[in-house]
Amino acid sequence: MNIILIFQILKERGTDGIPPIFMSHGKVDDLVDFEWGKTTHSVLENLNVNIQFKEYEDIGHELSPPQLKDVKEWIAPKIPLL
C-alpha cells in the first residue's frame, strides 16, 4: 500500500484504534534515507498518531543493542504483567 494513501486514510478516518508506535532510525542508514524517517514521523505526529521517534548517530540499516534497549523500555509499561 502506498504510504501517501495510508496518510490520507488516517487524515480522513482519524487515529482512533491505532496503537502507539515506536519508530527508530539510524542516521547513517544507507538503505532508507534518515530524512524520510524524520518526515514520516512528523506526518504521523501531525495526524495525532501516538508515536515516539528515536534517532541513533552511528547506526545504519540494522537493529542495534541501544535500539533493543529503547524499545524494551518503551514497550514494557504497555504490556500487562502475567
PDB file of N, CA and C in Angstrom:
ATOM      1  N   MET A   1       0.850  -1.176   0.000  1.00  0.00           N
ATOM      2  CA  MET A   1       0.000   0.000   0.000  1.00  0.00           C
ATOM      3  C   MET A   1       0.898   1.243   0.000  1.00  0.00           C
ATOM      4  N   ASN A   2       0.529   2.218  -0.745  1.00  0.00           N
ATOM      5  CA  ASN A   2       1.277   3.466  -0.864  1.00  0.00           C
ATOM      6  C   ASN A   2       1.223   4.255   0.444  1.00  0.00           C
ATOM      7  N   ILE A   3       2.380   4.760   0.898  1.00  0.00           N
ATOM      8  CA  ILE A   3       2.441   5.493   2.167  1.00  0.00           C
ATOM      9  C   ILE A   3       1.573   6.743   2.139  1.00  0.00           C
ATOM     10  N   ILE A   4       1.481   7.403   0.985  1.00  0.00           N
ATOM     11  CA  ILE A   4       0.638   8.595   0.865  1.00  0.00           C
ATOM     12  C   ILE A   4      -0.821   8.213   1.080  1.00  0.00           C
ATOM     13  N   LEU A   5      -1.223   7.059   0.562  1.00  0.00           N
ATOM     14  CA  LEU A   5      -2.587   6.577   0.758  1.00  0.00           C
ATOM     15  C   LEU A   5      -2.859   6.316   2.235  1.00  0.00           C
ATOM     16  N   ILE A   6      -1.894   5.743   2.916  1.00  0.00           N
ATOM     17  CA  ILE A   6      -2.052   5.494   4.359  1.00  0.00           C
ATOM     18  C   ILE A   6      -2.239   6.812   5.102  1.00  0.00           C
ATOM     19  N   PHE A   7      -1.418   7.808   4.783  1.00  0.00           N
ATOM     20  CA  PHE A   7      -1.557   9.117   5.431  1.00  0.00           C
ATOM     21  C   PHE A   7      -2.938   9.706   5.157  1.00  0.00           C
ATOM     22  N   GLN A   8      -3.427   9.571   3.919  1.00  0.00           N
ATOM     23  CA  GLN A   8      -4.736  10.110   3.545  1.00  0.00           C
ATOM     24  C   GLN A   8      -5.848   9.409   4.328  1.00  0.00           C
ATOM     25  N   ILE A   9      -5.765   8.091   4.457  1.00  0.00           N
ATOM     26  CA  ILE A   9      -6.769   7.335   5.214  1.00  0.00           C
ATOM     27  C   ILE A   9      -6.774   7.781   6.671  1.00  0.00           C
ATOM     28  N   LEU A  10      -5.595   7.940   7.261  1.00  0.00           N
ATOM     29  CA  LEU A  10      -5.519   8.401   8.649  1.00  0.00           C
ATOM     30  C   LEU A  10      -6.118   9.798   8.787  1.00  0.00           C
ATOM     31  N   LYS A  11      -5.866  10.648   7.823  1.00  0.00           N
ATOM     32  CA  LYS A  11      -6.399  12.017   7.863  1.00  0.00           C
ATOM     33  C   LYS A  11      -7.927  12.000   7.800  1.00  0.00           C
ATOM     34  N   GLU A  12      -8.474  11.140   6.955  1.00  0.00           N
ATOM     35  CA  GLU A  12      -9.924  11.079   6.771  1.00  0.00           C
ATOM     36  C   GLU A  12     -10.635  10.358   7.910  1.00  0.00           C
ATOM     37  N   ARG A  13     -10.076   9.270   8.393  1.00  0.00           N
ATOM     38  CA  ARG A  13     -10.752   8.417   9.376  1.00  0.00           C
ATOM     39  C   ARG A  13     -10.331   8.678  10.818  1.00  0.00           C
ATOM     40  N   GLY A  14      -9.229   9.377  11.008  1.00  0.00           N
ATOM     41  CA  GLY A  14      -8.732   9.604  12.351  1.00  0.00           C
ATOM     42  C   GLY A  14      -7.849   8.468  12.816  1.00  0.00           C
ATOM     43  N   THR A  15      -7.345   8.604  14.011  1.00  0.00           N
ATOM     44  CA  THR A  15      -6.369   7.640  14.521  1.00  0.00           C
ATOM     45  C   THR A  15      -6.906   6.804  15.681  1.00  0.00           C
ATOM     46  N   ASP A  16      -8.205   6.880  15.952  1.00  0.00           N
ATOM     47  CA  ASP A  16      -8.777   6.025  16.994  1.00  0.00           C
ATOM     48  C   ASP A  16      -8.501   4.565  16.656  1.00  0.00           C
ATOM     49  N   GLY A  17      -8.031   3.821  17.615  1.00  0.00           N
ATOM     50  CA  GLY A  17      -7.747   2.409  17.408  1.00  0.00           C
ATOM     51  C   GLY A  17      -6.342   2.120  16.891  1.00  0.00           C
ATOM     52  N   ILE A  18      -5.585   3.158  16.554  1.00  0.00           N
ATOM     53  CA  ILE A  18      -4.207   2.954  16.115  1.00  0.00           C
ATOM     54  C   ILE A  18      -3.339   2.799  17.366  1.00  0.00           C
ATOM     55  N   PRO A  19      -2.624   1.694  17.496  1.00  0.00           N
ATOM     56  CA  PRO A  19      -1.800   1.513  18.701  1.00  0.00           C
ATOM     57  C   PRO A  19      -0.612   2.472  18.709  1.00  0.00           C
ATOM     58  N   PRO A  20      -0.034   2.699  19.876  1.00  0.00           N
ATOM     59  CA  PRO A  20       1.181   3.516  19.951  1.00  0.00           C
ATOM     60  C   PRO A  20       2.288   2.899  19.086  1.00  0.00           C
ATOM     61  N   ILE A  21       3.135   3.756  18.558  1.00  0.00           N
ATOM     62  CA  ILE A  21       4.205   3.313  17.658  1.00  0.00           C
ATOM     63  C   ILE A  21       5.558   3.771  18.194  1.00  0.00           C
ATOM     64  N   PHE A  22       6.525   2.846  18.177  1.00  0.00           N
ATOM     65  CA  PHE A  22       7.915   3.189  18.448  1.00  0.00           C
ATOM     66  C   PHE A  22       8.637   3.124  17.124  1.00  0.00           C
ATOM     67  N   MET A  23       9.261   4.208  16.736  1.00  0.00           N
ATOM     68  CA  MET A  23       9.975   4.272  15.457  1.00  0.00           C
ATOM     69  C   MET A  23      11.410   4.692  15.735  1.00  0.00           C
ATOM     70  N   SER A  24      12.356   3.959  15.169  1.00  0.00           N
ATOM     71  CA  SER A  24      13.754   4.327  15.345  1.00  0.00           C
ATOM     72  C   SER A  24      14.442   4.341  13.993  1.00  0.00           C
ATOM     73  N   HIS A  25      15.493   5.159  13.914  1.00  0.00           N
ATOM     74  CA  HIS A  25      16.187   5.288  12.635  1.00  0.00           C
ATOM     75  C   HIS A  25      17.648   5.661  12.873  1.00  0.00           C
ATOM     76  N   GLY A  26      18.526   4.950  12.195  1.00  0.00           N
ATOM     77  CA  GLY A  26      19.943   5.268  12.255  1.00  0.00           C
ATOM     78  C   GLY A  26      20.279   6.399  11.296  1.00  0.00           C
ATOM     79  N   LYS A  27      21.124   7.306  11.743  1.00  0.00           N
ATOM     80  CA  LYS A  27      21.490   8.458  10.921  1.00  0.00           C
ATOM     81  C   LYS A  27      22.379   8.095   9.742  1.00  0.00           C
ATOM     82  N   VAL A  28      23.011   6.924   9.770  1.00  0.00           N
ATOM     83  CA  VAL A  28      23.863   6.522   8.658  1.00  0.00           C
ATOM     84  C   VAL A  28      23.244   5.354   7.873  1.00  0.00           C
ATOM     85  N   ASP A  29      21.936   5.263   7.895  1.00  0.00           N
ATOM     86  CA  ASP A  29      21.217   4.244   7.137  1.00  0.00           C
ATOM     87  C   ASP A  29      21.443   4.488   5.648  1.00  0.00           C
ATOM     88  N   ASP A  30      22.000   3.505   4.952  1.00  0.00           N
ATOM     89  CA  ASP A  30      22.262   3.668   3.524  1.00  0.00           C
ATOM     90  C   ASP A  30      21.170   3.044   2.653  1.00  0.00           C
ATOM     91  N   LEU A  31      20.121   2.505   3.279  1.00  0.00           N
ATOM     92  CA  LEU A  31      19.021   1.918   2.530  1.00  0.00           C
ATOM     93  C   LEU A  31      17.777   2.807   2.559  1.00  0.00           C
ATOM     94  N   VAL A  32      17.417   3.290   3.747  1.00  0.00           N
ATOM     95  CA  VAL A  32      16.271   4.185   3.910  1.00  0.00           C
ATOM     96  C   VAL A  32      16.814   5.518   4.417  1.00  0.00           C
ATOM     97  N   ASP A  33      16.625   6.557   3.640  1.00  0.00           N
ATOM     98  CA  ASP A  33      17.157   7.875   3.981  1.00  0.00           C
ATOM     99  C   ASP A  33      16.647   8.340   5.344  1.00  0.00           C
ATOM    100  N   PHE A  34      17.555   8.831   6.169  1.00  0.00           N
ATOM    101  CA  PHE A  34      17.196   9.298   7.511  1.00  0.00           C
ATOM    102  C   PHE A  34      16.125  10.383   7.469  1.00  0.00           C
ATOM    103  N   GLU A  35      16.220  11.287   6.510  1.00  0.00           N
ATOM    104  CA  GLU A  35      15.226  12.361   6.407  1.00  0.00           C
ATOM    105  C   GLU A  35      13.834  11.816   6.113  1.00  0.00           C
ATOM    106  N   TRP A  36      13.743  10.712   5.375  1.00  0.00           N
ATOM    107  CA  TRP A  36      12.451  10.074   5.139  1.00  0.00           C
ATOM    108  C   TRP A  36      11.844   9.624   6.463  1.00  0.00           C
ATOM    109  N   GLY A  37      12.680   9.034   7.316  1.00  0.00           N
ATOM    110  CA  GLY A  37      12.202   8.601   8.630  1.00  0.00           C
ATOM    111  C   GLY A  37      11.694   9.760   9.465  1.00  0.00           C
ATOM    112  N   LYS A  38      12.461  10.845   9.485  1.00  0.00           N
ATOM    113  CA  LYS A  38      12.031  12.024  10.254  1.00  0.00           C
ATOM    114  C   LYS A  38      10.738  12.604   9.691  1.00  0.00           C
ATOM    115  N   THR A  39      10.629  12.659   8.371  1.00  0.00           N
ATOM    116  CA  THR A  39       9.421  13.196   7.747  1.00  0.00           C
ATOM    117  C   THR A  39       8.215  12.314   8.039  1.00  0.00           C
ATOM    118  N   THR A  40       8.406  11.009   7.944  1.00  0.00           N
ATOM    119  CA  THR A  40       7.322  10.073   8.249  1.00  0.00           C
ATOM    120  C   THR A  40       6.840  10.266   9.684  1.00  0.00           C
ATOM    121  N   HIS A  41       7.787  10.381  10.595  1.00  0.00           N
ATOM    122  CA  HIS A  41       7.440  10.627  11.995  1.00  0.00           C
ATOM    123  C   HIS A  41       6.635  11.914  12.141  1.00  0.00           C
ATOM    124  N   SER A  42       7.096  12.982  11.521  1.00  0.00           N
ATOM    125  CA  SER A  42       6.418  14.280  11.629  1.00  0.00           C
ATOM    126  C   SER A  42       5.001  14.221  11.078  1.00  0.00           C
ATOM    127  N   VAL A  43       4.842  13.576   9.929  1.00  0.00           N
ATOM    128  CA  VAL A  43       3.498  13.469   9.335  1.00  0.00           C
ATOM    129  C   VAL A  43       2.576  12.689  10.263  1.00  0.00           C
ATOM    130  N   LEU A  44       3.029  11.562  10.770  1.00  0.00           N
ATOM    131  CA  LEU A  44       2.199  10.761  11.674  1.00  0.00           C
ATOM    132  C   LEU A  44       1.883  11.523  12.953  1.00  0.00           C
ATOM    133  N   GLU A  45       2.853  12.209  13.496  1.00  0.00           N
ATOM    134  CA  GLU A  45       2.640  13.002  14.704  1.00  0.00           C
ATOM    135  C   GLU A  45       1.606  14.102  14.444  1.00  0.00           C
ATOM    136  N   ASN A  46       1.682  14.754  13.292  1.00  0.00           N
ATOM    137  CA  ASN A  46       0.716  15.798  12.945  1.00  0.00           C
ATOM    138  C   ASN A  46      -0.685  15.249  12.721  1.00  0.00           C
ATOM    139  N   LEU A  47      -0.777  13.945  12.444  1.00  0.00           N
ATOM    140  CA  LEU A  47      -2.078  13.291  12.305  1.00  0.00           C
ATOM    141  C   LEU A  47      -2.569  12.744  13.648  1.00  0.00           C
ATOM    142  N   ASN A  48      -1.880  13.112  14.720  1.00  0.00           N
ATOM    143  CA  ASN A  48      -2.227  12.710  16.091  1.00  0.00           C
ATOM    144  C   ASN A  48      -2.017  11.233  16.378  1.00  0.00           C
ATOM    145  N   VAL A  49      -1.094  10.609  15.653  1.00  0.00           N
ATOM    146  CA  VAL A  49      -0.702   9.240  15.974  1.00  0.00           C
ATOM    147  C   VAL A  49       0.227   9.314  17.186  1.00  0.00           C
ATOM    148  N   ASN A  50       0.011   8.431  18.137  1.00  0.00           N
ATOM    149  CA  ASN A  50       0.858   8.361  19.322  1.00  0.00           C
ATOM    150  C   ASN A  50       2.153   7.654  18.905  1.00  0.00           C
ATOM    151  N   ILE A  51       3.185   8.443  18.632  1.00  0.00           N
ATOM    152  CA  ILE A  51       4.424   7.897  18.094  1.00  0.00           C
ATOM    153  C   ILE A  51       5.627   8.480  18.804  1.00  0.00           C
ATOM    154  N   GLN A  52       6.578   7.614  19.097  1.00  0.00           N
ATOM    155  CA  GLN A  52       7.851   8.055  19.651  1.00  0.00           C
ATOM    156  C   GLN A  52       8.927   7.757  18.623  1.00  0.00           C
ATOM    157  N   PHE A  53       9.784   8.733  18.346  1.00  0.00           N
ATOM    158  CA  PHE A  53      10.854   8.594  17.362  1.00  0.00           C
ATOM    159  C   PHE A  53      12.195   8.737  18.062  1.00  0.00           C
ATOM    160  N   LYS A  54      13.052   7.761  17.845  1.00  0.00           N
ATOM    161  CA  LYS A  54      14.411   7.807  18.395  1.00  0.00           C
ATOM    162  C   LYS A  54      15.389   7.721  17.239  1.00  0.00           C
ATOM    163  N   GLU A  55      16.410   8.566  17.289  1.00  0.00           N
ATOM    164  CA  GLU A  55      17.450   8.529  16.260  1.00  0.00           C
ATOM    165  C   GLU A  55      18.763   8.091  16.887  1.00  0.00           C
ATOM    166  N   TYR A  56      19.585   7.426  16.070  1.00  0.00           N
ATOM    167  CA  TYR A  56      20.838   6.852  16.547  1.00  0.00           C
ATOM    168  C   TYR A  56      21.971   7.298  15.626  1.00  0.00           C
ATOM    169  N   GLU A  57      22.975   7.908  16.206  1.00  0.00           N
ATOM    170  CA  GLU A  57      24.082   8.529  15.465  1.00  0.00           C
ATOM    171  C   GLU A  57      24.831   7.569  14.553  1.00  0.00           C
ATOM    172  N   ASP A  58      25.345   6.481  15.077  1.00  0.00           N
ATOM    173  CA  ASP A  58      26.261   5.618  14.329  1.00  0.00           C
ATOM    174  C   ASP A  58      25.617   4.301  13.899  1.00  0.00           C
ATOM    175  N   ILE A  59      24.310   4.329  13.672  1.00  0.00           N
ATOM    176  CA  ILE A  59      23.585   3.119  13.300  1.00  0.00           C
ATOM    177  C   ILE A  59      23.130   3.251  11.850  1.00  0.00           C
ATOM    178  N   GLY A  60      23.287   2.153  11.090  1.00  0.00           N
ATOM    179  CA  GLY A  60      22.821   2.118   9.710  1.00  0.00           C
ATOM    180  C   GLY A  60      21.461   1.451   9.639  1.00  0.00           C
ATOM    181  N   HIS A  61      21.271   0.615   8.619  1.00  0.00           N
ATOM    182  CA  HIS A  61      20.016  -0.111   8.434  1.00  0.00           C
ATOM    183  C   HIS A  61      20.148  -1.447   9.154  1.00  0.00           C
ATOM    184  N   GLU A  62      19.994  -1.407  10.453  1.00  0.00           N
ATOM    185  CA  GLU A  62      20.214  -2.577  11.300  1.00  0.00           C
ATOM    186  C   GLU A  62      19.471  -2.390  12.613  1.00  0.00           C
ATOM    187  N   LEU A  63      19.440  -3.433  13.391  1.00  0.00           N
ATOM    188  CA  LEU A  63      18.876  -3.364  14.739  1.00  0.00           C
ATOM    189  C   LEU A  63      20.036  -3.508  15.707  1.00  0.00           C
ATOM    190  N   SER A  64      20.217  -2.513  16.555  1.00  0.00           N
ATOM    191  CA  SER A  64      21.379  -2.459  17.438  1.00  0.00           C
ATOM    192  C   SER A  64      20.981  -2.672  18.896  1.00  0.00           C
ATOM    193  N   PRO A  65      21.942  -3.012  19.748  1.00  0.00           N
ATOM    194  CA  PRO A  65      21.645  -3.139  21.182  1.00  0.00           C
ATOM    195  C   PRO A  65      21.010  -1.885  21.789  1.00  0.00           C
ATOM    196  N   PRO A  66      21.464  -0.653  21.454  1.00  0.00           N
ATOM    197  CA  PRO A  66      20.780   0.517  22.015  1.00  0.00           C
ATOM    198  C   PRO A  66      19.311   0.619  21.581  1.00  0.00           C
ATOM    199  N   GLN A  67      19.018   0.239  20.338  1.00  0.00           N
ATOM    200  CA  GLN A  67      17.630   0.256  19.880  1.00  0.00           C
ATOM    201  C   GLN A  67      16.801  -0.784  20.633  1.00  0.00           C
ATOM    202  N   LEU A  68      17.347  -1.970  20.807  1.00  0.00           N
ATOM    203  CA  LEU A  68      16.627  -3.008  21.545  1.00  0.00           C
ATOM    204  C   LEU A  68      16.340  -2.572  22.977  1.00  0.00           C
ATOM    205  N   LYS A  69      17.314  -1.935  23.600  1.00  0.00           N
ATOM    206  CA  LYS A  69      17.128  -1.425  24.958  1.00  0.00           C
ATOM    207  C   LYS A  69      15.998  -0.394  24.986  1.00  0.00           C
ATOM    208  N   ASP A  70      16.005   0.526  24.025  1.00  0.00           N
ATOM    209  CA  ASP A  70      14.990   1.581  23.998  1.00  0.00           C
ATOM    210  C   ASP A  70      13.593   1.037  23.719  1.00  0.00           C
ATOM    211  N   VAL A  71      13.486   0.082  22.802  1.00  0.00           N
ATOM    212  CA  VAL A  71      12.161  -0.474  22.510  1.00  0.00           C
ATOM    213  C   VAL A  71      11.660  -1.296  23.697  1.00  0.00           C
ATOM    214  N   LYS A  72      12.566  -1.974  24.391  1.00  0.00           N
ATOM    215  CA  LYS A  72      12.178  -2.724  25.597  1.00  0.00           C
ATOM    216  C   LYS A  72      11.641  -1.771  26.663  1.00  0.00           C
ATOM    217  N   GLU A  73      12.347  -0.666  26.880  1.00  0.00           N
ATOM    218  CA  GLU A  73      11.894   0.317  27.873  1.00  0.00           C
ATOM    219  C   GLU A  73      10.579   0.976  27.452  1.00  0.00           C
ATOM    220  N   TRP A  74      10.371   1.134  26.150  1.00  0.00           N
ATOM    221  CA  TRP A  74       9.150   1.749  25.651  1.00  0.00           C
ATOM    222  C   TRP A  74       7.954   0.809  25.785  1.00  0.00           C
ATOM    223  N   ILE A  75       8.165  -0.472  25.470  1.00  0.00           N
ATOM    224  CA  ILE A  75       7.041  -1.407  25.426  1.00  0.00           C
ATOM    225  C   ILE A  75       6.699  -2.007  26.788  1.00  0.00           C
ATOM    226  N   ALA A  76       7.676  -2.104  27.686  1.00  0.00           N
ATOM    227  CA  ALA A  76       7.440  -2.770  28.984  1.00  0.00           C
ATOM    228  C   ALA A  76       6.241  -2.201  29.746  1.00  0.00           C
ATOM    229  N   PRO A  77       6.069  -0.875  29.846  1.00  0.00           N
ATOM    230  CA  PRO A  77       4.911  -0.365  30.585  1.00  0.00           C
ATOM    231  C   PRO A  77       3.573  -0.602  29.875  1.00  0.00           C
ATOM    232  N   LYS A  78       3.618  -0.978  28.613  1.00  0.00           N
ATOM    233  CA  LYS A  78       2.390  -1.165  27.842  1.00  0.00           C
ATOM    234  C   LYS A  78       1.875  -2.600  27.893  1.00  0.00           C
ATOM    235  N   ILE A  79       2.700  -3.513  28.396  1.00  0.00           N
ATOM    236  CA  ILE A  79       2.328  -4.928  28.450  1.00  0.00           C
ATOM    237  C   ILE A  79       1.914  -5.289  29.876  1.00  0.00           C
ATOM    238  N   PRO A  80       0.705  -5.807  30.016  1.00  0.00           N
ATOM    239  CA  PRO A  80       0.280  -6.170  31.387  1.00  0.00           C
ATOM    240  C   PRO A  80       1.106  -7.333  31.929  1.00  0.00           C
ATOM    241  N   LEU A  81       1.361  -7.297  33.221  1.00  0.00           N
ATOM    242  CA  LEU A  81       2.089  -8.391  33.857  1.00  0.00           C
ATOM    243  C   LEU A  81       1.191  -9.626  33.915  1.00  0.00           C
ATOM    244  N   LEU A  82       1.786 -10.773  33.651  1.00  0.00           N
ATOM    245  CA  LEU A  82       1.020 -12.018  33.689  1.00  0.00           C
ATOM    246  C   LEU A  82       1.151 -12.694  35.020  1.00  0.00           C
TER     247      LEU A  82
END
